[in-house]
Amino acid sequence: MSFQIERGLFKFDFTDHHAVLGIPVNADVKEVRKRYLKIARSLHPDSRKSESEAEKKLANQLLSKLVNPAYEHLSQGNRDYLVSLGHMGRRLAAEKGKVAPTSEAAKQLSRSGPNLDNAYKSALQHLTAKQYEALDQVLDKIAEISELNMVYLMLNGGLKGDNVAKLPVGGVGSGTKPPGTNVAGQRKSPGSTVAGGPPVGSASPLPDSGISRAAEYIRRAEGYMAKNNFAGAVLELREALKLDQNQSRAHSLLGVAYLKQNQATMAKVHINKALQLNPKDELALKGKQHLDGLAQKNQGGKQPPKVSPQPEPRKQPDKPSGGGLFGGLFGGKKK
């Protein structure tokens, strides 16, 4: 069973783990753990009073496919996820007039004015009080909470100041990294990057040229894809295409990122665009071959080979428009 949510941050191809657990986007590790344990107890078959086998099965699916993954990301301080959340907040702030919430709670929050933080916490507390009681309404509740998170990030311009300091960094029971170190424990130097973020200690994080800036976004997207963080890659590649619509590499990578998230329609759009710009784009050609196989399968033809292997390590980081970086996505053996 798969769960589809298309409101709030989810409609931007972003998995809102905070909404799944029903916690604020600036929740610390203790809040994450406390909330997870409460939800897990309510969904676990040994503690939940279910009226039918179907309800027991649904509770178990919600726990294993939504709640547990959300806890894993947030309790371990998944840096890629937090960076993506920060990017999302800045993007929403820039597109404030174009993003319209649909739920009443999110609409009220958008009118909260200077009382934003208190209004956000109050609305969130109300929505999460019975989030997992009626299992057939859980996805709607998560969507409503995600809309609330979307509006908060949009009005707050992302995660700032003290809110950032509260985010989990080293996982449960671990201390934070010393000042001046990156997530690997290495010293930061001027102009270096942390987990795909902008250069540290640089007054101008990206070159002035739109094409050069687009290449920087593409490099970060490649890093995300190498770690199987396709949602983060989508955000970076969209930013790259805002600066340069003629980047075939960005389109082919975006097509693959959508394929890996089972969004064949969006994948087809960008893979076709990549081939229009560069008919010899190897990644786009492999993506098209995979799409053709899916089409044959849907029409009753032979089943195409499954997408199985992991992305290959980056070989030419200074040439984002080159080919072959993720050639292993569409063939080969599992590692």
C-alpha atoms as a PDB file:
ATOM      1  CA  MET A   1       0.000   0.000   0.000  1.00  0.00           C
ATOM      2  CA  SER A   2       1.278   3.450  -0.902  1.00  0.00           C
ATOM      3  CA  PHE A   3       0.125   6.733   0.599  1.00  0.00           C
ATOM      4  CA  GLN A   4      -0.351   9.779  -1.618  1.00  0.00           C
ATOM      5  CA  ILE A   5      -0.566  13.288  -0.134  1.00  0.00           C
ATOM      6  CA  GLU A   6      -0.754  16.242  -2.498  1.00  0.00           C
ATOM      7  CA  ARG A   7      -1.225  19.255  -0.231  1.00  0.00           C
ATOM      8  CA  GLY A   8       1.098  21.449   1.766  1.00  0.00           C
ATOM      9  CA  LEU A   9       4.812  20.778   1.294  1.00  0.00           C
ATOM     10  CA  PHE A  10       4.011  17.425  -0.327  1.00  0.00           C
ATOM     11  CA  LYS A  11       2.783  19.138  -3.489  1.00  0.00           C
ATOM     12  CA  PHE A  12       6.331  20.422  -3.995  1.00  0.00           C
ATOM     13  CA  ASP A  13       7.661  16.820  -4.112  1.00  0.00           C
ATOM     14  CA  PHE A  14       8.857  17.223  -0.522  1.00  0.00           C
ATOM     15  CA  THR A  15       8.128  14.567   2.109  1.00  0.00           C
ATOM     16  CA  ASP A  16       7.080  16.528   5.190  1.00  0.00           C
ATOM     17  CA  HIS A  17       8.272  14.281   8.019  1.00  0.00           C
ATOM     18  CA  HIS A  18       7.331  16.938  10.577  1.00  0.00           C
ATOM     19  CA  ALA A  19       3.705  16.777   9.424  1.00  0.00           C
ATOM     20  CA  VAL A  20       3.726  12.978   9.625  1.00  0.00           C
ATOM     21  CA  LEU A  21       4.745  13.144  13.287  1.00  0.00           C
ATOM     22  CA  GLY A  22       2.693  16.266  13.955  1.00  0.00           C
ATOM     23  CA  ILE A  23       5.535  18.322  15.403  1.00  0.00           C
ATOM     24  CA  PRO A  24       6.733  21.889  14.703  1.00  0.00           C
ATOM     25  CA  VAL A  25       9.323  22.334  11.965  1.00  0.00           C
ATOM     26  CA  ASN A  26      11.724  23.619  14.643  1.00  0.00           C
ATOM     27  CA  ALA A  27      11.165  20.692  17.035  1.00  0.00           C
ATOM     28  CA  ASP A  28      14.213  19.376  18.894  1.00  0.00           C
ATOM     29  CA  VAL A  29      15.248  15.732  19.320  1.00  0.00           C
ATOM     30  CA  LYS A  30      13.380  15.307  22.608  1.00  0.00           C
ATOM     31  CA  GLU A  31      10.125  16.493  21.037  1.00  0.00           C
ATOM     32  CA  VAL A  32      10.671  14.147  18.091  1.00  0.00           C
ATOM     33  CA  ARG A  33      11.192  11.123  20.346  1.00  0.00           C
ATOM     34  CA  LYS A  34       8.320  11.935  22.696  1.00  0.00           C
ATOM     35  CA  ARG A  35       5.848  12.377  19.853  1.00  0.00           C
ATOM     36  CA  TYR A  36       7.048   9.270  18.018  1.00  0.00           C
ATOM     37  CA  LEU A  37       6.607   7.055  21.086  1.00  0.00           C
ATOM     38  CA  LYS A  38       3.063   8.338  21.566  1.00  0.00           C
ATOM     39  CA  ILE A  39       2.098   7.634  17.942  1.00  0.00           C
ATOM     40  CA  ALA A  40       3.861   4.269  17.866  1.00  0.00           C
ATOM     41  CA  ARG A  41       1.955   3.131  20.957  1.00  0.00           C
ATOM     42  CA  SER A  42      -1.352   4.179  19.429  1.00  0.00           C
ATOM     43  CA  LEU A  43      -0.681   2.319  16.153  1.00  0.00           C
ATOM     44  CA  HIS A  44       1.079  -0.801  17.429  1.00  0.00           C
ATOM     45  CA  PRO A  45      -1.138  -3.908  17.168  1.00  0.00           C
ATOM     46  CA  ASP A  46      -0.340  -4.926  20.764  1.00  0.00           C
ATOM     47  CA  SER A  47      -1.705  -1.680  22.179  1.00  0.00           C
ATOM     48  CA  ARG A  48      -4.311  -0.520  19.653  1.00  0.00           C
ATOM     49  CA  LYS A  49      -7.891  -1.699  20.031  1.00  0.00           C
ATOM     50  CA  SER A  50      -8.782  -2.374  16.413  1.00  0.00           C
ATOM     51  CA  GLU A  51     -12.262  -3.473  15.385  1.00  0.00           C
ATOM     52  CA  SER A  52     -11.162  -5.415  12.306  1.00  0.00           C
ATOM     53  CA  GLU A  53      -8.182  -7.019  10.610  1.00  0.00           C
ATOM     54  CA  ALA A  54      -8.316  -4.330   7.927  1.00  0.00           C
ATOM     55  CA  GLU A  55      -7.894  -1.623  10.563  1.00  0.00           C
ATOM     56  CA  LYS A  56      -4.992  -3.484  12.152  1.00  0.00           C
ATOM     57  CA  LYS A  57      -3.324  -3.785   8.762  1.00  0.00           C
ATOM     58  CA  LEU A  58      -3.811  -0.067   8.014  1.00  0.00           C
ATOM     59  CA  ALA A  59      -2.379   0.891  11.401  1.00  0.00           C
ATOM     60  CA  ASN A  60       0.664  -1.262  10.760  1.00  0.00           C
ATOM     61  CA  GLN A  61       1.139   0.239   7.271  1.00  0.00           C
ATOM     62  CA  LEU A  62       0.949   3.788   8.649  1.00  0.00           C
ATOM     63  CA  LEU A  63       3.507   2.914  11.302  1.00  0.00           C
ATOM     64  CA  SER A  64       5.968   1.171   8.996  1.00  0.00           C
ATOM     65  CA  LYS A  65       5.704   3.338   5.878  1.00  0.00           C
ATOM     66  CA  LEU A  66       5.094   6.817   7.286  1.00  0.00           C
ATOM     67  CA  VAL A  67       5.799   7.147  10.998  1.00  0.00           C
ATOM     68  CA  ASN A  68       8.951   5.033  11.325  1.00  0.00           C
ATOM     69  CA  PRO A  69      10.716   6.645   8.304  1.00  0.00           C
ATOM     70  CA  ALA A  70       9.800  10.109   9.611  1.00  0.00           C
ATOM     71  CA  TYR A  71      11.275   9.305  13.005  1.00  0.00           C
ATOM     72  CA  GLU A  72      14.408   7.868  11.420  1.00  0.00           C
ATOM     73  CA  HIS A  73      15.029  11.072   9.452  1.00  0.00           C
ATOM     74  CA  LEU A  74      14.297  13.509  12.283  1.00  0.00           C
ATOM     75  CA  SER A  75      15.840  11.654  15.227  1.00  0.00           C
ATOM     76  CA  GLN A  76      19.148  11.207  13.397  1.00  0.00           C
ATOM     77  CA  GLY A  77      19.278  14.815  12.248  1.00  0.00           C
ATOM     78  CA  ASN A  78      19.297  13.981   8.510  1.00  0.00           C
ATOM     79  CA  ARG A  79      21.285  16.970   7.328  1.00  0.00           C
ATOM     80  CA  ASP A  80      20.177  16.671   3.704  1.00  0.00           C
ATOM     81  CA  TYR A  81      16.552  16.803   4.794  1.00  0.00           C
ATOM     82  CA  LEU A  82      17.131  19.853   6.987  1.00  0.00           C
ATOM     83  CA  VAL A  83      18.999  21.636   4.201  1.00  0.00           C
ATOM     84  CA  SER A  84      16.140  20.845   1.815  1.00  0.00           C
ATOM     85  CA  LEU A  85      13.672  22.202   4.370  1.00  0.00           C
ATOM     86  CA  GLY A  86      15.660  25.423   4.543  1.00  0.00           C
ATOM     87  CA  HIS A  87      15.677  25.702   0.747  1.00  0.00           C
ATOM     88  CA  MET A  88      11.938  25.108   0.724  1.00  0.00           C
ATOM     89  CA  GLY A  89      11.324  27.898   3.224  1.00  0.00           C
ATOM     90  CA  ARG A  90      13.320  30.401   1.176  1.00  0.00           C
ATOM     91  CA  ARG A  91      11.585  29.327  -1.995  1.00  0.00           C
ATOM     92  CA  LEU A  92       8.134  29.718  -0.420  1.00  0.00           C
ATOM     93  CA  ALA A  93       9.066  33.151   0.923  1.00  0.00           C
ATOM     94  CA  ALA A  94      10.099  34.222  -2.587  1.00  0.00           C
ATOM     95  CA  GLU A  95       6.838  32.926  -4.080  1.00  0.00           C
ATOM     96  CA  LYS A  96       4.603  34.169  -1.279  1.00  0.00           C
ATOM     97  CA  GLY A  97       1.928  35.634  -3.538  1.00  0.00           C
ATOM     98  CA  LYS A  98       1.697  32.471  -5.639  1.00  0.00           C
ATOM     99  CA  VAL A  99       1.128  29.956  -2.817  1.00  0.00           C
ATOM    100  CA  ALA A 100      -2.451  29.763  -1.550  1.00  0.00           C
ATOM    101  CA  PRO A 101      -3.436  27.453   1.347  1.00  0.00           C
ATOM    102  CA  THR A 102      -6.768  25.625   1.206  1.00  0.00           C
ATOM    103  CA  SER A 103      -7.375  24.566   4.826  1.00  0.00           C
ATOM    104  CA  GLU A 104      -9.040  26.969   7.255  1.00  0.00           C
ATOM    105  CA  ALA A 105      -6.256  26.560   9.830  1.00  0.00           C
ATOM    106  CA  ALA A 106      -3.574  27.499   7.285  1.00  0.00           C
ATOM    107  CA  LYS A 107      -5.629  30.479   6.070  1.00  0.00           C
ATOM    108  CA  GLN A 108      -5.998  31.756   9.609  1.00  0.00           C
ATOM    109  CA  LEU A 109      -2.276  31.358  10.198  1.00  0.00           C
ATOM    110  CA  SER A 110      -1.553  33.413   7.076  1.00  0.00           C
ATOM    111  CA  ARG A 111      -3.451  36.285   8.740  1.00  0.00           C
ATOM    112  CA  SER A 112      -1.762  35.966  12.140  1.00  0.00           C
ATOM    113  CA  GLY A 113       0.606  38.915  11.647  1.00  0.00           C
ATOM    114  CA  PRO A 114       3.269  39.455  14.341  1.00  0.00           C
ATOM    115  CA  ASN A 115       1.757  36.647  16.449  1.00  0.00           C
ATOM    116  CA  LEU A 116       2.972  34.029  13.944  1.00  0.00           C
ATOM    117  CA  ASP A 117       4.893  31.702  16.277  1.00  0.00           C
ATOM    118  CA  ASN A 118       2.188  31.484  18.940  1.00  0.00           C
ATOM    119  CA  ALA A 119      -0.563  31.092  16.348  1.00  0.00           C
ATOM    120  CA  TYR A 120       1.419  28.332  14.613  1.00  0.00           C
ATOM    121  CA  LYS A 121       1.990  26.334  17.809  1.00  0.00           C
ATOM    122  CA  SER A 122      -1.634  26.730  18.885  1.00  0.00           C
ATOM    123  CA  ALA A 123      -3.037  25.616  15.519  1.00  0.00           C
ATOM    124  CA  LEU A 124      -0.602  22.702  15.354  1.00  0.00           C
ATOM    125  CA  GLN A 125      -1.538  21.523  18.839  1.00  0.00           C
ATOM    126  CA  HIS A 126      -5.204  21.537  17.875  1.00  0.00           C
ATOM    127  CA  LEU A 127      -4.625  19.538  14.674  1.00  0.00           C
ATOM    128  CA  THR A 128      -2.371  16.914  16.255  1.00  0.00           C
ATOM    129  CA  ALA A 129      -4.535  16.219  19.310  1.00  0.00           C
ATOM    130  CA  LYS A 130      -6.374  13.378  17.526  1.00  0.00           C
ATOM    131  CA  GLN A 131      -4.161  12.956  14.471  1.00  0.00           C
ATOM    132  CA  TYR A 132      -3.989   9.150  14.556  1.00  0.00           C
ATOM    133  CA  GLU A 133      -7.325   8.274  16.177  1.00  0.00           C
ATOM    134  CA  ALA A 134      -9.459   7.874  13.032  1.00  0.00           C
ATOM    135  CA  LEU A 135      -7.182   5.969  10.663  1.00  0.00           C
ATOM    136  CA  ASP A 136      -9.233   6.782   7.560  1.00  0.00           C
ATOM    137  CA  GLN A 137      -8.613  10.492   8.216  1.00  0.00           C
ATOM    138  CA  VAL A 138      -4.877  10.324   8.967  1.00  0.00           C
ATOM    139  CA  LEU A 139      -3.715  11.370   5.477  1.00  0.00           C
ATOM    140  CA  ASP A 140      -6.064  14.370   5.509  1.00  0.00           C
ATOM    141  CA  LYS A 141      -4.730  15.387   8.913  1.00  0.00           C
ATOM    142  CA  ILE A 142      -1.129  15.104   7.716  1.00  0.00           C
ATOM    143  CA  ALA A 143      -1.985  17.182   4.636  1.00  0.00           C
ATOM    144  CA  GLU A 144      -3.618  19.859   6.811  1.00  0.00           C
ATOM    145  CA  ILE A 145      -0.611  19.975   9.141  1.00  0.00           C
ATOM    146  CA  SER A 146       1.729  20.202   6.153  1.00  0.00           C
ATOM    147  CA  GLU A 147      -0.254  23.187   4.862  1.00  0.00           C
ATOM    148  CA  LEU A 148       0.251  24.793   8.248  1.00  0.00           C
ATOM    149  CA  ASN A 149       4.012  24.116   8.009  1.00  0.00           C
ATOM    150  CA  MET A 150       4.020  25.527   4.478  1.00  0.00           C
ATOM    151  CA  VAL A 151       2.431  28.813   5.575  1.00  0.00           C
ATOM    152  CA  TYR A 152       4.714  29.092   8.607  1.00  0.00           C
ATOM    153  CA  LEU A 153       7.861  28.594   6.533  1.00  0.00           C
ATOM    154  CA  MET A 154       6.589  31.010   3.892  1.00  0.00           C
ATOM    155  CA  LEU A 155       5.855  33.801   6.386  1.00  0.00           C
ATOM    156  CA  ASN A 156       8.971  33.115   8.442  1.00  0.00           C
ATOM    157  CA  GLY A 157      11.266  32.971   5.412  1.00  0.00           C
ATOM    158  CA  GLY A 158      12.424  29.471   6.335  1.00  0.00           C
ATOM    159  CA  LEU A 159      14.139  28.508   9.586  1.00  0.00           C
ATOM    160  CA  LYS A 160      16.036  31.363  11.188  1.00  0.00           C
ATOM    161  CA  GLY A 161      18.070  32.237  14.234  1.00  0.00           C
ATOM    162  CA  ASP A 162      17.107  30.302  17.360  1.00  0.00           C
ATOM    163  CA  ASN A 163      14.875  28.016  15.319  1.00  0.00           C
ATOM    164  CA  VAL A 164      17.875  26.661  13.428  1.00  0.00           C
ATOM    165  CA  ALA A 165      19.783  26.101  16.657  1.00  0.00           C
ATOM    166  CA  LYS A 166      16.993  23.817  17.889  1.00  0.00           C
ATOM    167  CA  LEU A 167      17.212  21.444  14.940  1.00  0.00           C
ATOM    168  CA  PRO A 168      18.660  17.969  15.650  1.00  0.00           C
ATOM    169  CA  VAL A 169      22.195  17.593  14.343  1.00  0.00           C
ATOM    170  CA  GLY A 170      23.856  14.482  15.707  1.00  0.00           C
ATOM    171  CA  GLY A 171      20.959  12.192  16.504  1.00  0.00           C
ATOM    172  CA  VAL A 172      19.562  10.977  19.826  1.00  0.00           C
ATOM    173  CA  GLY A 173      22.035  11.142  22.670  1.00  0.00           C
ATOM    174  CA  SER A 174      24.813  12.739  20.647  1.00  0.00           C
ATOM    175  CA  GLY A 175      26.225  16.182  21.141  1.00  0.00           C
ATOM    176  CA  THR A 176      26.375  18.896  18.542  1.00  0.00           C
ATOM    177  CA  LYS A 177      29.472  19.366  16.443  1.00  0.00           C
ATOM    178  CA  PRO A 178      32.035  21.931  17.644  1.00  0.00           C
ATOM    179  CA  PRO A 179      31.810  25.392  16.053  1.00  0.00           C
ATOM    180  CA  GLY A 180      33.697  25.604  12.788  1.00  0.00           C
ATOM    181  CA  THR A 181      33.236  21.947  11.813  1.00  0.00           C
ATOM    182  CA  ASN A 182      31.104  20.372   9.133  1.00  0.00           C
ATOM    183  CA  VAL A 183      28.894  17.297   9.521  1.00  0.00           C
ATOM    184  CA  ALA A 184      31.864  14.987   8.924  1.00  0.00           C
ATOM    185  CA  GLY A 185      33.788  16.603  11.785  1.00  0.00           C
ATOM    186  CA  GLN A 186      36.221  18.353   9.438  1.00  0.00           C
ATOM    187  CA  ARG A 187      37.237  21.963   9.840  1.00  0.00           C
ATOM    188  CA  LYS A 188      35.435  24.368   7.540  1.00  0.00           C
ATOM    189  CA  SER A 189      37.455  26.675   5.372  1.00  0.00           C
ATOM    190  CA  PRO A 190      36.319  29.894   3.641  1.00  0.00           C
ATOM    191  CA  GLY A 191      34.435  29.082   0.489  1.00  0.00           C
ATOM    192  CA  SER A 192      33.702  25.469   1.477  1.00  0.00           C
ATOM    193  CA  THR A 193      30.183  24.035   1.583  1.00  0.00           C
ATOM    194  CA  VAL A 194      28.327  22.105   4.266  1.00  0.00           C
ATOM    195  CA  ALA A 195      25.942  19.349   3.122  1.00  0.00           C
ATOM    196  CA  GLY A 196      25.193  21.026  -0.171  1.00  0.00           C
ATOM    197  CA  GLY A 197      24.603  24.464   1.389  1.00  0.00           C
ATOM    198  CA  PRO A 198      26.106  27.775   0.239  1.00  0.00           C
ATOM    199  CA  PRO A 199      29.817  28.411   0.722  1.00  0.00           C
ATOM    200  CA  VAL A 200      30.872  29.273   4.266  1.00  0.00           C
ATOM    201  CA  GLY A 201      32.626  32.567   4.870  1.00  0.00           C
ATOM    202  CA  SER A 202      31.930  33.902   1.398  1.00  0.00           C
ATOM    203  CA  ALA A 203      30.199  37.240   0.892  1.00  0.00           C
ATOM    204  CA  SER A 204      28.853  36.054  -2.463  1.00  0.00           C
ATOM    205  CA  PRO A 205      27.857  32.349  -2.207  1.00  0.00           C
ATOM    206  CA  LEU A 206      27.404  31.860  -5.927  1.00  0.00           C
ATOM    207  CA  PRO A 207      29.001  33.454  -8.995  1.00  0.00           C
ATOM    208  CA  ASP A 208      27.106  36.329 -10.623  1.00  0.00           C
ATOM    209  CA  SER A 209      26.606  34.541 -13.924  1.00  0.00           C
ATOM    210  CA  GLY A 210      23.197  32.853 -14.194  1.00  0.00           C
ATOM    211  CA  ILE A 211      24.734  29.928 -16.064  1.00  0.00           C
ATOM    212  CA  SER A 212      27.467  29.484 -13.437  1.00  0.00           C
ATOM    213  CA  ARG A 213      24.881  29.648 -10.665  1.00  0.00           C
ATOM    214  CA  ALA A 214      22.792  27.048 -12.457  1.00  0.00           C
ATOM    215  CA  ALA A 215      25.834  24.779 -12.633  1.00  0.00           C
ATOM    216  CA  GLU A 216      26.263  25.147  -8.872  1.00  0.00           C
ATOM    217  CA  TYR A 217      22.681  24.024  -8.281  1.00  0.00           C
ATOM    218  CA  ILE A 218      23.258  21.068 -10.614  1.00  0.00           C
ATOM    219  CA  ARG A 219      26.359  20.007  -8.698  1.00  0.00           C
ATOM    220  CA  ARG A 220      24.427  20.077  -5.442  1.00  0.00           C
ATOM    221  CA  ALA A 221      21.603  18.081  -7.037  1.00  0.00           C
ATOM    222  CA  GLU A 222      24.108  15.449  -8.163  1.00  0.00           C
ATOM    223  CA  GLY A 223      25.306  15.197  -4.579  1.00  0.00           C
ATOM    224  CA  TYR A 224      21.753  14.693  -3.341  1.00  0.00           C
ATOM    225  CA  MET A 225      21.079  12.035  -5.971  1.00  0.00           C
ATOM    226  CA  ALA A 226      24.234  10.171  -5.029  1.00  0.00           C
ATOM    227  CA  LYS A 227      22.695   9.876  -1.545  1.00  0.00           C
ATOM    228  CA  ASN A 228      19.255   8.902  -2.914  1.00  0.00           C
ATOM    229  CA  ASN A 229      17.757  12.201  -1.708  1.00  0.00           C
ATOM    230  CA  PHE A 230      15.707  12.784  -4.848  1.00  0.00           C
ATOM    231  CA  ALA A 231      13.339  15.311  -3.274  1.00  0.00           C
ATOM    232  CA  GLY A 232      16.307  17.541  -2.414  1.00  0.00           C
ATOM    233  CA  ALA A 233      17.665  17.098  -5.939  1.00  0.00           C
ATOM    234  CA  VAL A 234      14.334  18.189  -7.437  1.00  0.00           C
ATOM    235  CA  LEU A 235      14.446  21.458  -5.473  1.00  0.00           C
ATOM    236  CA  GLU A 236      18.002  22.219  -6.601  1.00  0.00           C
ATOM    237  CA  LEU A 237      17.318  21.374 -10.256  1.00  0.00           C
ATOM    238  CA  ARG A 238      14.209  23.528 -10.356  1.00  0.00           C
ATOM    239  CA  GLU A 239      16.287  26.444  -9.123  1.00  0.00           C
ATOM    240  CA  ALA A 240      18.891  25.710 -11.807  1.00  0.00           C
ATOM    241  CA  LEU A 241      16.253  25.758 -14.544  1.00  0.00           C
ATOM    242  CA  LYS A 242      14.887  29.076 -13.300  1.00  0.00           C
ATOM    243  CA  LEU A 243      18.320  30.517 -14.115  1.00  0.00           C
ATOM    244  CA  ASP A 244      18.936  28.620 -17.348  1.00  0.00           C
ATOM    245  CA  GLN A 245      16.116  26.753 -19.096  1.00  0.00           C
ATOM    246  CA  ASN A 246      18.523  25.384 -21.710  1.00  0.00           C
ATOM    247  CA  GLN A 247      20.530  23.160 -19.351  1.00  0.00           C
ATOM    248  CA  SER A 248      19.996  19.694 -20.835  1.00  0.00           C
ATOM    249  CA  ARG A 249      21.862  18.185 -17.888  1.00  0.00           C
ATOM    250  CA  ALA A 250      19.424  19.739 -15.423  1.00  0.00           C
ATOM    251  CA  HIS A 251      16.452  18.415 -17.399  1.00  0.00           C
ATOM    252  CA  SER A 252      17.856  14.877 -17.666  1.00  0.00           C
ATOM    253  CA  LEU A 253      18.744  14.750 -13.965  1.00  0.00           C
ATOM    254  CA  LEU A 254      15.308  16.090 -13.071  1.00  0.00           C
ATOM    255  CA  GLY A 255      13.737  13.418 -15.259  1.00  0.00           C
ATOM    256  CA  VAL A 256      15.667  10.709 -13.406  1.00  0.00           C
ATOM    257  CA  ALA A 257      14.783  12.214 -10.009  1.00  0.00           C
ATOM    258  CA  TYR A 258      11.103  12.082 -10.928  1.00  0.00           C
ATOM    259  CA  LEU A 259      11.460   8.509 -12.204  1.00  0.00           C
ATOM    260  CA  LYS A 260      12.997   7.450  -8.902  1.00  0.00           C
ATOM    261  CA  GLN A 261       9.940   8.941  -7.167  1.00  0.00           C
ATOM    262  CA  ASN A 262       7.554   7.056  -9.490  1.00  0.00           C
ATOM    263  CA  GLN A 263       6.386  10.226 -11.251  1.00  0.00           C
ATOM    264  CA  ALA A 264       6.616   9.045 -14.851  1.00  0.00           C
ATOM    265  CA  THR A 265       4.595  11.915 -16.347  1.00  0.00           C
ATOM    266  CA  MET A 266       6.888  14.621 -14.966  1.00  0.00           C
ATOM    267  CA  ALA A 267       9.928  12.491 -15.835  1.00  0.00           C
ATOM    268  CA  LYS A 268       8.826  12.262 -19.465  1.00  0.00           C
ATOM    269  CA  VAL A 269       8.479  16.057 -19.768  1.00  0.00           C
ATOM    270  CA  HIS A 270      12.032  16.737 -18.638  1.00  0.00           C
ATOM    271  CA  ILE A 271      13.672  13.795 -20.387  1.00  0.00           C
ATOM    272  CA  ASN A 272      12.086  14.842 -23.685  1.00  0.00           C
ATOM    273  CA  LYS A 273      13.229  18.422 -23.101  1.00  0.00           C
ATOM    274  CA  ALA A 274      16.776  17.220 -22.385  1.00  0.00           C
ATOM    275  CA  LEU A 275      16.858  15.264 -25.653  1.00  0.00           C
ATOM    276  CA  GLN A 276      15.464  18.240 -27.531  1.00  0.00           C
ATOM    277  CA  LEU A 277      18.357  20.328 -26.242  1.00  0.00           C
ATOM    278  CA  ASN A 278      20.970  17.570 -26.584  1.00  0.00           C
ATOM    279  CA  PRO A 279      19.974  14.445 -28.574  1.00  0.00           C
ATOM    280  CA  LYS A 280      23.152  12.703 -27.360  1.00  0.00           C
ATOM    281  CA  ASP A 281      22.503  13.186 -23.630  1.00  0.00           C
ATOM    282  CA  GLU A 282      23.302   9.670 -22.352  1.00  0.00           C
ATOM    283  CA  LEU A 283      21.303   9.947 -19.136  1.00  0.00           C
ATOM    284  CA  ALA A 284      18.231  11.239 -20.974  1.00  0.00           C
ATOM    285  CA  LEU A 285      18.538   8.451 -23.554  1.00  0.00           C
ATOM    286  CA  LYS A 286      18.585   5.842 -20.806  1.00  0.00           C
ATOM    287  CA  GLY A 287      15.668   7.567 -19.111  1.00  0.00           C
ATOM    288  CA  LYS A 288      13.674   7.503 -22.340  1.00  0.00           C
ATOM    289  CA  GLN A 289      14.483   3.820 -22.792  1.00  0.00           C
ATOM    290  CA  HIS A 290      13.180   3.125 -19.304  1.00  0.00           C
ATOM    291  CA  LEU A 291      10.006   5.157 -19.950  1.00  0.00           C
ATOM    292  CA  ASP A 292       9.409   3.241 -23.180  1.00  0.00           C
ATOM    293  CA  GLY A 293       9.713   0.024 -21.209  1.00  0.00           C
ATOM    294  CA  LEU A 294       7.146   1.250 -18.698  1.00  0.00           C
ATOM    295  CA  ALA A 295       4.796   2.160 -21.545  1.00  0.00           C
ATOM    296  CA  GLN A 296       5.137  -1.328 -23.028  1.00  0.00           C
ATOM    297  CA  LYS A 297       4.401  -2.846 -19.652  1.00  0.00           C
ATOM    298  CA  ASN A 298       1.246  -0.744 -19.263  1.00  0.00           C
ATOM    299  CA  GLN A 299       0.136  -1.833 -22.727  1.00  0.00           C
ATOM    300  CA  GLY A 300       0.618  -5.514 -21.921  1.00  0.00           C
ATOM    301  CA  GLY A 301       4.067  -5.938 -23.467  1.00  0.00           C
ATOM    302  CA  LYS A 302       7.127  -7.435 -21.905  1.00  0.00           C
ATOM    303  CA  GLN A 303       8.064  -6.214 -18.487  1.00  0.00           C
ATOM    304  CA  PRO A 304      11.171  -3.992 -18.593  1.00  0.00           C
ATOM    305  CA  PRO A 305      14.142  -4.552 -16.300  1.00  0.00           C
ATOM    306  CA  LYS A 306      13.660  -3.101 -12.842  1.00  0.00           C
ATOM    307  CA  VAL A 307      15.496   0.051 -11.786  1.00  0.00           C
ATOM    308  CA  SER A 308      17.821  -1.356  -9.176  1.00  0.00           C
ATOM    309  CA  PRO A 309      21.394  -0.105  -8.819  1.00  0.00           C
ATOM    310  CA  GLN A 310      22.570   2.917  -6.907  1.00  0.00           C
ATOM    311  CA  PRO A 311      23.997   6.033  -8.612  1.00  0.00           C
ATOM    312  CA  GLU A 312      27.672   5.830  -9.498  1.00  0.00           C
ATOM    313  CA  PRO A 313      30.132   8.159  -7.721  1.00  0.00           C
ATOM    314  CA  ARG A 314      30.644  11.518  -9.393  1.00  0.00           C
ATOM    315  CA  LYS A 315      33.585  11.324 -11.768  1.00  0.00           C
ATOM    316  CA  GLN A 316      33.697  14.844 -13.227  1.00  0.00           C
ATOM    317  CA  PRO A 317      32.298  17.323 -10.676  1.00  0.00           C
ATOM    318  CA  ASP A 318      33.533  20.335 -12.653  1.00  0.00           C
ATOM    319  CA  LYS A 319      31.565  19.404 -15.763  1.00  0.00           C
ATOM    320  CA  PRO A 320      27.887  19.391 -14.768  1.00  0.00           C
ATOM    321  CA  SER A 321      26.749  19.224 -18.374  1.00  0.00           C
ATOM    322  CA  GLY A 322      28.617  15.980 -19.096  1.00  0.00           C
ATOM    323  CA  GLY A 323      27.058  12.532 -19.362  1.00  0.00           C
ATOM    324  CA  GLY A 324      27.330   9.186 -17.702  1.00  0.00           C
ATOM    325  CA  LEU A 325      27.301  10.281 -14.064  1.00  0.00           C
ATOM    326  CA  PHE A 326      24.175   8.314 -13.208  1.00  0.00           C
ATOM    327  CA  GLY A 327      24.418   5.803 -16.006  1.00  0.00           C
ATOM    328  CA  GLY A 328      24.010   2.982 -13.492  1.00  0.00           C
ATOM    329  CA  LEU A 329      20.489   4.054 -12.636  1.00  0.00           C
ATOM    330  CA  PHE A 330      18.902   2.048 -15.420  1.00  0.00           C
ATOM    331  CA  GLY A 331      20.847  -1.179 -15.573  1.00  0.00           C
ATOM    332  CA  GLY A 332      23.394  -3.454 -13.948  1.00  0.00           C
ATOM    333  CA  LYS A 333      23.465  -5.537 -10.843  1.00  0.00           C
ATOM    334  CA  LYS A 334      22.481  -4.621  -7.342  1.00  0.00           C
ATOM    335  CA  LYS A 335      25.323  -3.841  -5.025  1.00  0.00           C
END
